[in-house]
Amino acid sequence: MRKSGFTLTELLVVVGIIAFLLAISVPLLVSSRLRAQEIVCQSHVRDIGIAFNLYHETHGSFPSAFVQDASIPAPLGNVGNHSIDWRGLWWFYYLDLVPREYSTQDHIVKCPSKKHTDIEYRYNDLWGNYGVNWSICKSPTLDANGTLGEFSGAPARLASIKHPSETLLLADSGYFVLAWVHTLPDSHAMAPKTSYEAFNQTYVPGASVNKTREDSLWPGLKEDALTGRHPNRSVNCLFTDGHIANKKADDLAVVPMDHGQIENLTPLWKPR
């Protein structure tokens, strides 16, 4: 009479089936989680776009990316680290989108897919979230050398932008300001090399050009810069007309040309 129970062969078959099902389901679960984070990110960018639109309707222009004034008390506390960040008011203050200091909770100006594992950047809301196009939201003054002079002055008005549906306003970014110079290889003469180190660390997450800057990127930023945040190394973009789009990170790169010039591709960084 045969004893009840499973034979070794039957157990191995069951284990094999379970392993096969896990091998199929785990990547699908990871993919679903990443897609869900991407959708939340798109929702944040859309809401930020609404806030930009309301600000423009009220003030007749986009806000400044940053106004440097250490004497200005930041609402609800400072979101940055004074040892590495400028002191003053950032664009999200003008939009009334102020994150809670050192908060771990989700917030409209926080990208849910940021990959900063270093605590110094994880809880610093200036890093690893969204960057405003500094060619549009210029700053009235800058504490830096002439390399950044292009980004100093009055912020743009929508009426002065000839192609608003193609002109970038905000995107997933390594820092809270983002410029076309951050899409250039490190060896290019116009690549960011200023006295302001945080500006030098800015990047488009997942862009191939970041590999040329691997040695100069701070360790806590490398995973986010090199592997990207969203599936297929894509970034969520907001345009000056208010619409959002998901673009490949490399699509944001300008093309270096002879004599230190660049070709301003679509999406456009510089209004024209």
C-alpha atoms as a PDB file:
ATOM      1  CA  MET A   1       0.000   0.000   0.000  1.00  0.00           C
ATOM      2  CA  ARG A   2       1.440   3.410  -1.060  1.00  0.00           C
ATOM      3  CA  LYS A   3       1.908   5.983   1.756  1.00  0.00           C
ATOM      4  CA  SER A   4       0.195   9.338   1.284  1.00  0.00           C
ATOM      5  CA  GLY A   5       2.381  12.351   0.538  1.00  0.00           C
ATOM      6  CA  PHE A   6       4.412  13.882  -2.240  1.00  0.00           C
ATOM      7  CA  THR A   7       7.385  12.337  -3.883  1.00  0.00           C
ATOM      8  CA  LEU A   8      10.617  14.272  -4.346  1.00  0.00           C
ATOM      9  CA  THR A   9       9.892  14.568  -8.058  1.00  0.00           C
ATOM     10  CA  GLU A  10       6.470  16.065  -7.401  1.00  0.00           C
ATOM     11  CA  LEU A  11       7.925  18.562  -4.921  1.00  0.00           C
ATOM     12  CA  LEU A  12      10.584  19.609  -7.418  1.00  0.00           C
ATOM     13  CA  VAL A  13       7.929  20.108 -10.085  1.00  0.00           C
ATOM     14  CA  VAL A  14       5.868  22.314  -7.737  1.00  0.00           C
ATOM     15  CA  VAL A  15       8.936  24.328  -6.724  1.00  0.00           C
ATOM     16  CA  GLY A  16       9.845  24.739 -10.375  1.00  0.00           C
ATOM     17  CA  ILE A  17       6.358  25.997 -11.236  1.00  0.00           C
ATOM     18  CA  ILE A  18       6.425  28.490  -8.328  1.00  0.00           C
ATOM     19  CA  ALA A  19       9.869  29.742  -9.380  1.00  0.00           C
ATOM     20  CA  PHE A  20       8.655  30.142 -12.960  1.00  0.00           C
ATOM     21  CA  LEU A  21       5.591  32.116 -11.851  1.00  0.00           C
ATOM     22  CA  LEU A  22       7.742  34.371  -9.642  1.00  0.00           C
ATOM     23  CA  ALA A  23      10.156  34.975 -12.506  1.00  0.00           C
ATOM     24  CA  ILE A  24       7.222  36.180 -14.600  1.00  0.00           C
ATOM     25  CA  SER A  25       5.315  38.151 -11.982  1.00  0.00           C
ATOM     26  CA  VAL A  26       8.130  40.024 -10.176  1.00  0.00           C
ATOM     27  CA  PRO A  27       9.256  42.038 -13.232  1.00  0.00           C
ATOM     28  CA  LEU A  28       5.604  42.820 -13.964  1.00  0.00           C
ATOM     29  CA  LEU A  29       5.093  44.063 -10.404  1.00  0.00           C
ATOM     30  CA  VAL A  30       8.238  46.214 -10.598  1.00  0.00           C
ATOM     31  CA  SER A  31       7.144  47.580 -13.964  1.00  0.00           C
ATOM     32  CA  SER A  32       3.681  48.361 -12.586  1.00  0.00           C
ATOM     33  CA  ARG A  33       5.175  50.182  -9.609  1.00  0.00           C
ATOM     34  CA  LEU A  34       7.441  52.285 -11.832  1.00  0.00           C
ATOM     35  CA  ARG A  35       4.549  53.089 -14.145  1.00  0.00           C
ATOM     36  CA  ALA A  36       2.398  54.123 -11.180  1.00  0.00           C
ATOM     37  CA  GLN A  37       5.157  56.440  -9.949  1.00  0.00           C
ATOM     38  CA  GLU A  38       5.475  57.904 -13.429  1.00  0.00           C
ATOM     39  CA  ILE A  39       1.734  58.649 -13.492  1.00  0.00           C
ATOM     40  CA  VAL A  40       1.930  60.337 -10.081  1.00  0.00           C
ATOM     41  CA  CYS A  41       4.885  62.368 -11.348  1.00  0.00           C
ATOM     42  CA  GLN A  42       2.882  63.447 -14.405  1.00  0.00           C
ATOM     43  CA  SER A  43       0.052  64.505 -12.114  1.00  0.00           C
ATOM     44  CA  HIS A  44       2.482  66.626 -10.070  1.00  0.00           C
ATOM     45  CA  VAL A  45       3.871  68.269 -13.200  1.00  0.00           C
ATOM     46  CA  ARG A  46       0.339  69.000 -14.451  1.00  0.00           C
ATOM     47  CA  ASP A  47      -0.592  70.653 -11.135  1.00  0.00           C
ATOM     48  CA  ILE A  48       2.633  72.677 -11.163  1.00  0.00           C
ATOM     49  CA  GLY A  49       1.694  73.816 -14.662  1.00  0.00           C
ATOM     50  CA  ILE A  50      -1.643  75.092 -13.376  1.00  0.00           C
ATOM     51  CA  ALA A  51       0.170  77.057 -10.680  1.00  0.00           C
ATOM     52  CA  PHE A  52       2.511  78.580 -13.293  1.00  0.00           C
ATOM     53  CA  ASN A  53      -0.497  79.587 -15.381  1.00  0.00           C
ATOM     54  CA  LEU A  54      -2.218  81.251 -12.426  1.00  0.00           C
ATOM     55  CA  TYR A  55       0.961  83.130 -11.566  1.00  0.00           C
ATOM     56  CA  HIS A  56       1.382  84.340 -15.143  1.00  0.00           C
ATOM     57  CA  GLU A  57      -2.232  85.515 -15.323  1.00  0.00           C
ATOM     58  CA  THR A  58      -1.749  87.498 -12.110  1.00  0.00           C
ATOM     59  CA  HIS A  59       1.728  88.954 -12.707  1.00  0.00           C
ATOM     60  CA  GLY A  60       2.056  89.016 -16.485  1.00  0.00           C
ATOM     61  CA  SER A  61       5.208  86.901 -16.578  1.00  0.00           C
ATOM     62  CA  PHE A  62       6.667  83.670 -15.281  1.00  0.00           C
ATOM     63  CA  PRO A  63       8.305  83.796 -11.814  1.00  0.00           C
ATOM     64  CA  SER A  64      12.029  84.072 -11.200  1.00  0.00           C
ATOM     65  CA  ALA A  65      13.769  80.741 -10.806  1.00  0.00           C
ATOM     66  CA  PHE A  66      15.616  82.076  -7.798  1.00  0.00           C
ATOM     67  CA  VAL A  67      16.048  85.386  -6.002  1.00  0.00           C
ATOM     68  CA  GLN A  68      19.180  85.477  -3.902  1.00  0.00           C
ATOM     69  CA  ASP A  69      18.670  87.266  -0.636  1.00  0.00           C
ATOM     70  CA  ALA A  70      19.866  85.651   2.565  1.00  0.00           C
ATOM     71  CA  SER A  71      17.850  88.176   4.589  1.00  0.00           C
ATOM     72  CA  ILE A  72      14.529  86.892   3.227  1.00  0.00           C
ATOM     73  CA  PRO A  73      12.996  84.374   5.658  1.00  0.00           C
ATOM     74  CA  ALA A  74      11.870  81.365   3.665  1.00  0.00           C
ATOM     75  CA  PRO A  75       8.215  80.460   4.310  1.00  0.00           C
ATOM     76  CA  LEU A  76       7.796  77.348   6.456  1.00  0.00           C
ATOM     77  CA  GLY A  77      11.575  77.028   6.863  1.00  0.00           C
ATOM     78  CA  ASN A  78      14.422  76.493   4.433  1.00  0.00           C
ATOM     79  CA  VAL A  79      14.133  73.468   2.153  1.00  0.00           C
ATOM     80  CA  GLY A  80      17.828  73.443   1.230  1.00  0.00           C
ATOM     81  CA  ASN A  81      21.195  73.038   2.895  1.00  0.00           C
ATOM     82  CA  HIS A  82      23.049  76.310   3.314  1.00  0.00           C
ATOM     83  CA  SER A  83      26.408  74.595   2.892  1.00  0.00           C
ATOM     84  CA  ILE A  84      25.615  73.603  -0.715  1.00  0.00           C
ATOM     85  CA  ASP A  85      22.534  75.635  -1.721  1.00  0.00           C
ATOM     86  CA  TRP A  86      21.914  79.325  -2.356  1.00  0.00           C
ATOM     87  CA  ARG A  87      19.870  81.150   0.246  1.00  0.00           C
ATOM     88  CA  GLY A  88      16.817  82.993  -0.951  1.00  0.00           C
ATOM     89  CA  LEU A  89      13.456  82.349  -2.576  1.00  0.00           C
ATOM     90  CA  TRP A  90      12.902  79.695  -5.233  1.00  0.00           C
ATOM     91  CA  TRP A  91      10.259  79.530  -7.965  1.00  0.00           C
ATOM     92  CA  PHE A  92       7.967  77.241  -5.945  1.00  0.00           C
ATOM     93  CA  TYR A  93       7.668  79.907  -3.233  1.00  0.00           C
ATOM     94  CA  TYR A  94       6.190  82.306  -5.788  1.00  0.00           C
ATOM     95  CA  LEU A  95       3.727  79.622  -6.896  1.00  0.00           C
ATOM     96  CA  ASP A  96       2.660  78.978  -3.276  1.00  0.00           C
ATOM     97  CA  LEU A  97       3.912  75.395  -3.572  1.00  0.00           C
ATOM     98  CA  VAL A  98       6.107  75.118  -0.515  1.00  0.00           C
ATOM     99  CA  PRO A  99       7.102  71.656   0.732  1.00  0.00           C
ATOM    100  CA  ARG A 100       7.248  70.967   4.437  1.00  0.00           C
ATOM    101  CA  GLU A 101      10.794  71.105   5.743  1.00  0.00           C
ATOM    102  CA  TYR A 102      12.448  67.641   5.917  1.00  0.00           C
ATOM    103  CA  SER A 103       9.107  66.019   5.154  1.00  0.00           C
ATOM    104  CA  THR A 104       9.109  62.397   3.952  1.00  0.00           C
ATOM    105  CA  GLN A 105       5.546  62.743   2.671  1.00  0.00           C
ATOM    106  CA  ASP A 106       4.673  63.018  -0.986  1.00  0.00           C
ATOM    107  CA  HIS A 107       4.296  66.582  -2.212  1.00  0.00           C
ATOM    108  CA  ILE A 108       3.528  68.298  -5.487  1.00  0.00           C
ATOM    109  CA  VAL A 109       7.125  69.520  -5.915  1.00  0.00           C
ATOM    110  CA  LYS A 110       8.596  66.097  -5.076  1.00  0.00           C
ATOM    111  CA  CYS A 111       9.158  63.496  -7.768  1.00  0.00           C
ATOM    112  CA  PRO A 112       8.048  60.095  -6.399  1.00  0.00           C
ATOM    113  CA  SER A 113      10.679  58.347  -8.539  1.00  0.00           C
ATOM    114  CA  LYS A 114      13.798  60.188  -7.315  1.00  0.00           C
ATOM    115  CA  LYS A 115      16.668  57.807  -6.590  1.00  0.00           C
ATOM    116  CA  HIS A 116      18.691  59.731  -4.029  1.00  0.00           C
ATOM    117  CA  THR A 117      19.727  57.327  -1.294  1.00  0.00           C
ATOM    118  CA  ASP A 118      22.063  59.772   0.479  1.00  0.00           C
ATOM    119  CA  ILE A 119      20.125  61.362   3.336  1.00  0.00           C
ATOM    120  CA  GLU A 120      21.700  64.754   2.552  1.00  0.00           C
ATOM    121  CA  TYR A 121      19.808  64.846  -0.746  1.00  0.00           C
ATOM    122  CA  ARG A 122      16.819  62.638   0.054  1.00  0.00           C
ATOM    123  CA  TYR A 123      15.360  65.232   2.429  1.00  0.00           C
ATOM    124  CA  ASN A 124      16.653  68.287   0.578  1.00  0.00           C
ATOM    125  CA  ASP A 125      13.769  69.295  -1.656  1.00  0.00           C
ATOM    126  CA  LEU A 126      16.034  71.229  -4.020  1.00  0.00           C
ATOM    127  CA  TRP A 127      17.575  67.978  -5.246  1.00  0.00           C
ATOM    128  CA  GLY A 128      16.137  65.198  -7.387  1.00  0.00           C
ATOM    129  CA  ASN A 129      12.739  66.633  -8.183  1.00  0.00           C
ATOM    130  CA  TYR A 130      11.809  69.196 -10.845  1.00  0.00           C
ATOM    131  CA  GLY A 131      13.927  71.894 -12.458  1.00  0.00           C
ATOM    132  CA  VAL A 132      12.604  75.062 -14.056  1.00  0.00           C
ATOM    133  CA  ASN A 133      14.112  76.205 -17.356  1.00  0.00           C
ATOM    134  CA  TRP A 134      16.461  79.007 -16.371  1.00  0.00           C
ATOM    135  CA  SER A 135      16.297  80.506 -19.840  1.00  0.00           C
ATOM    136  CA  ILE A 136      12.618  81.275 -19.182  1.00  0.00           C
ATOM    137  CA  CYS A 137      12.466  81.904 -15.431  1.00  0.00           C
ATOM    138  CA  LYS A 138      15.568  84.030 -15.190  1.00  0.00           C
ATOM    139  CA  SER A 139      16.956  85.373 -11.928  1.00  0.00           C
ATOM    140  CA  PRO A 140      17.372  89.108 -11.297  1.00  0.00           C
ATOM    141  CA  THR A 141      20.858  88.646  -9.843  1.00  0.00           C
ATOM    142  CA  LEU A 142      23.288  85.753  -9.669  1.00  0.00           C
ATOM    143  CA  ASP A 143      26.227  85.161  -7.361  1.00  0.00           C
ATOM    144  CA  ALA A 144      28.384  83.483  -9.985  1.00  0.00           C
ATOM    145  CA  ASN A 145      30.826  84.330 -12.751  1.00  0.00           C
ATOM    146  CA  GLY A 146      29.946  85.418 -16.281  1.00  0.00           C
ATOM    147  CA  THR A 147      29.178  81.854 -17.380  1.00  0.00           C
ATOM    148  CA  LEU A 148      25.675  82.211 -15.939  1.00  0.00           C
ATOM    149  CA  GLY A 149      25.001  85.742 -17.185  1.00  0.00           C
ATOM    150  CA  GLU A 150      22.554  84.424 -19.771  1.00  0.00           C
ATOM    151  CA  PHE A 151      20.207  83.350 -16.996  1.00  0.00           C
ATOM    152  CA  SER A 152      20.161  86.713 -15.223  1.00  0.00           C
ATOM    153  CA  GLY A 153      17.428  89.257 -15.850  1.00  0.00           C
ATOM    154  CA  ALA A 154      13.657  89.511 -16.019  1.00  0.00           C
ATOM    155  CA  PRO A 155      11.637  86.274 -16.449  1.00  0.00           C
ATOM    156  CA  ALA A 156       9.982  85.756 -19.827  1.00  0.00           C
ATOM    157  CA  ARG A 157       6.405  86.636 -20.705  1.00  0.00           C
ATOM    158  CA  LEU A 158       4.292  84.167 -22.650  1.00  0.00           C
ATOM    159  CA  ALA A 159       3.678  86.766 -25.368  1.00  0.00           C
ATOM    160  CA  SER A 160       7.443  86.931 -26.027  1.00  0.00           C
ATOM    161  CA  ILE A 161       7.706  83.181 -26.683  1.00  0.00           C
ATOM    162  CA  LYS A 162       7.051  82.426 -30.354  1.00  0.00           C
ATOM    163  CA  HIS A 163       6.596  78.678 -29.952  1.00  0.00           C
ATOM    164  CA  PRO A 164       5.101  78.089 -26.464  1.00  0.00           C
ATOM    165  CA  SER A 165       4.002  74.522 -27.269  1.00  0.00           C
ATOM    166  CA  GLU A 166       7.627  73.609 -28.025  1.00  0.00           C
ATOM    167  CA  THR A 167       9.424  75.662 -25.362  1.00  0.00           C
ATOM    168  CA  LEU A 168      10.367  73.818 -22.177  1.00  0.00           C
ATOM    169  CA  LEU A 169       9.302  75.299 -18.843  1.00  0.00           C
ATOM    170  CA  LEU A 170      10.001  72.508 -16.343  1.00  0.00           C
ATOM    171  CA  ALA A 171      11.197  68.892 -16.325  1.00  0.00           C
ATOM    172  CA  ASP A 172      12.462  66.087 -14.109  1.00  0.00           C
ATOM    173  CA  SER A 173      15.816  67.366 -12.952  1.00  0.00           C
ATOM    174  CA  GLY A 174      18.750  66.814 -10.648  1.00  0.00           C
ATOM    175  CA  TYR A 175      18.267  70.289  -9.167  1.00  0.00           C
ATOM    176  CA  PHE A 176      15.542  72.929  -8.920  1.00  0.00           C
ATOM    177  CA  VAL A 177      16.985  74.901 -11.820  1.00  0.00           C
ATOM    178  CA  LEU A 178      17.829  73.358 -15.180  1.00  0.00           C
ATOM    179  CA  ALA A 179      19.496  74.832 -18.270  1.00  0.00           C
ATOM    180  CA  TRP A 180      20.499  73.744 -21.750  1.00  0.00           C
ATOM    181  CA  VAL A 181      24.161  73.727 -20.665  1.00  0.00           C
ATOM    182  CA  HIS A 182      23.415  70.655 -18.534  1.00  0.00           C
ATOM    183  CA  THR A 183      22.787  68.593 -21.672  1.00  0.00           C
ATOM    184  CA  LEU A 184      26.330  69.162 -22.989  1.00  0.00           C
ATOM    185  CA  PRO A 185      29.189  66.666 -22.555  1.00  0.00           C
ATOM    186  CA  ASP A 186      31.624  67.558 -19.804  1.00  0.00           C
ATOM    187  CA  SER A 187      34.375  68.207 -22.348  1.00  0.00           C
ATOM    188  CA  HIS A 188      32.431  70.948 -24.157  1.00  0.00           C
ATOM    189  CA  ALA A 189      33.660  74.500 -23.607  1.00  0.00           C
ATOM    190  CA  MET A 190      30.177  75.640 -22.556  1.00  0.00           C
ATOM    191  CA  ALA A 191      29.489  72.785 -20.136  1.00  0.00           C
ATOM    192  CA  PRO A 192      28.745  74.080 -16.603  1.00  0.00           C
ATOM    193  CA  LYS A 193      31.961  74.805 -14.717  1.00  0.00           C
ATOM    194  CA  THR A 194      31.158  77.641 -12.359  1.00  0.00           C
ATOM    195  CA  SER A 195      32.019  78.657  -8.835  1.00  0.00           C
ATOM    196  CA  TYR A 196      28.546  77.481  -7.825  1.00  0.00           C
ATOM    197  CA  GLU A 197      29.006  73.735  -7.358  1.00  0.00           C
ATOM    198  CA  ALA A 198      25.329  72.818  -7.053  1.00  0.00           C
ATOM    199  CA  PHE A 199      24.658  74.285 -10.506  1.00  0.00           C
ATOM    200  CA  ASN A 200      27.471  72.123 -11.894  1.00  0.00           C
ATOM    201  CA  GLN A 201      25.767  69.026 -10.481  1.00  0.00           C
ATOM    202  CA  THR A 202      22.446  69.575 -12.277  1.00  0.00           C
ATOM    203  CA  TYR A 203      21.426  66.994 -14.896  1.00  0.00           C
ATOM    204  CA  VAL A 204      18.547  65.547 -16.895  1.00  0.00           C
ATOM    205  CA  PRO A 205      17.941  62.121 -15.228  1.00  0.00           C
ATOM    206  CA  GLY A 206      18.961  59.223 -17.449  1.00  0.00           C
ATOM    207  CA  ALA A 207      20.543  61.330 -20.199  1.00  0.00           C
ATOM    208  CA  SER A 208      23.455  59.581 -21.928  1.00  0.00           C
ATOM    209  CA  VAL A 209      25.606  62.694 -21.593  1.00  0.00           C
ATOM    210  CA  ASN A 210      25.707  62.190 -17.822  1.00  0.00           C
ATOM    211  CA  LYS A 211      28.191  59.359 -18.329  1.00  0.00           C
ATOM    212  CA  THR A 212      30.767  61.969 -19.356  1.00  0.00           C
ATOM    213  CA  ARG A 213      30.274  63.613 -15.949  1.00  0.00           C
ATOM    214  CA  GLU A 214      30.336  60.427 -13.853  1.00  0.00           C
ATOM    215  CA  ASP A 215      33.647  61.273 -12.166  1.00  0.00           C
ATOM    216  CA  SER A 216      32.511  64.771 -11.196  1.00  0.00           C
ATOM    217  CA  LEU A 217      28.992  63.881  -9.981  1.00  0.00           C
ATOM    218  CA  TRP A 218      28.552  63.644  -6.232  1.00  0.00           C
ATOM    219  CA  PRO A 219      28.060  59.996  -5.109  1.00  0.00           C
ATOM    220  CA  GLY A 220      24.519  60.523  -3.813  1.00  0.00           C
ATOM    221  CA  LEU A 221      23.391  61.715  -7.246  1.00  0.00           C
ATOM    222  CA  LYS A 222      24.952  59.151  -9.564  1.00  0.00           C
ATOM    223  CA  GLU A 223      22.216  56.489  -9.640  1.00  0.00           C
ATOM    224  CA  ASP A 224      19.534  59.067 -10.408  1.00  0.00           C
ATOM    225  CA  ALA A 225      21.687  60.726 -13.081  1.00  0.00           C
ATOM    226  CA  LEU A 226      22.953  57.596 -14.817  1.00  0.00           C
ATOM    227  CA  THR A 227      19.996  55.179 -14.684  1.00  0.00           C
ATOM    228  CA  GLY A 228      17.136  57.693 -14.795  1.00  0.00           C
ATOM    229  CA  ARG A 229      13.837  57.601 -12.920  1.00  0.00           C
ATOM    230  CA  HIS A 230      11.080  56.563 -15.269  1.00  0.00           C
ATOM    231  CA  PRO A 231      10.806  53.611 -17.698  1.00  0.00           C
ATOM    232  CA  ASN A 232      12.914  53.846 -20.847  1.00  0.00           C
ATOM    233  CA  ARG A 233      14.982  56.694 -19.355  1.00  0.00           C
ATOM    234  CA  SER A 234      12.181  59.154 -19.928  1.00  0.00           C
ATOM    235  CA  VAL A 235      11.415  62.463 -18.230  1.00  0.00           C
ATOM    236  CA  ASN A 236       8.158  64.310 -17.683  1.00  0.00           C
ATOM    237  CA  CYS A 237       8.178  67.775 -19.241  1.00  0.00           C
ATOM    238  CA  LEU A 238       6.002  70.859 -18.837  1.00  0.00           C
ATOM    239  CA  PHE A 239       5.856  73.364 -21.703  1.00  0.00           C
ATOM    240  CA  THR A 240       5.161  77.086 -21.537  1.00  0.00           C
ATOM    241  CA  ASP A 241       1.699  76.661 -23.060  1.00  0.00           C
ATOM    242  CA  GLY A 242       0.767  74.424 -20.106  1.00  0.00           C
ATOM    243  CA  HIS A 243       0.722  70.957 -21.713  1.00  0.00           C
ATOM    244  CA  ILE A 244       2.885  68.093 -20.437  1.00  0.00           C
ATOM    245  CA  ALA A 245       4.658  65.341 -22.351  1.00  0.00           C
ATOM    246  CA  ASN A 246       6.833  62.349 -21.582  1.00  0.00           C
ATOM    247  CA  LYS A 247      10.120  62.619 -23.490  1.00  0.00           C
ATOM    248  CA  LYS A 248      13.237  60.498 -23.746  1.00  0.00           C
ATOM    249  CA  ALA A 249      15.964  62.131 -21.670  1.00  0.00           C
ATOM    250  CA  ASP A 250      18.265  62.282 -24.682  1.00  0.00           C
ATOM    251  CA  ASP A 251      15.634  64.203 -26.647  1.00  0.00           C
ATOM    252  CA  LEU A 252      16.274  67.207 -24.410  1.00  0.00           C
ATOM    253  CA  ALA A 253      19.926  67.436 -25.434  1.00  0.00           C
ATOM    254  CA  VAL A 254      21.136  70.366 -27.521  1.00  0.00           C
ATOM    255  CA  VAL A 255      23.629  69.629 -30.279  1.00  0.00           C
ATOM    256  CA  PRO A 256      27.129  71.115 -29.921  1.00  0.00           C
ATOM    257  CA  MET A 257      28.344  72.791 -33.086  1.00  0.00           C
ATOM    258  CA  ASP A 258      31.582  74.393 -34.225  1.00  0.00           C
ATOM    259  CA  HIS A 259      32.948  77.544 -32.581  1.00  0.00           C
ATOM    260  CA  GLY A 260      31.241  76.788 -29.269  1.00  0.00           C
ATOM    261  CA  GLN A 261      27.707  77.255 -30.604  1.00  0.00           C
ATOM    262  CA  ILE A 262      24.743  74.953 -29.994  1.00  0.00           C
ATOM    263  CA  GLU A 263      21.669  73.977 -31.976  1.00  0.00           C
ATOM    264  CA  ASN A 264      18.485  74.645 -29.992  1.00  0.00           C
ATOM    265  CA  LEU A 265      16.369  71.587 -30.806  1.00  0.00           C
ATOM    266  CA  THR A 266      12.769  70.696 -29.947  1.00  0.00           C
ATOM    267  CA  PRO A 267      11.901  70.877 -27.130  1.00  0.00           C
ATOM    268  CA  LEU A 268      13.267  74.413 -27.235  1.00  0.00           C
ATOM    269  CA  TRP A 269      15.315  75.641 -24.300  1.00  0.00           C
ATOM    270  CA  LYS A 270      15.683  79.214 -25.485  1.00  0.00           C
ATOM    271  CA  PRO A 271      12.508  81.086 -26.449  1.00  0.00           C
ATOM    272  CA  ARG A 272      12.538  82.126 -30.088  1.00  0.00           C
END
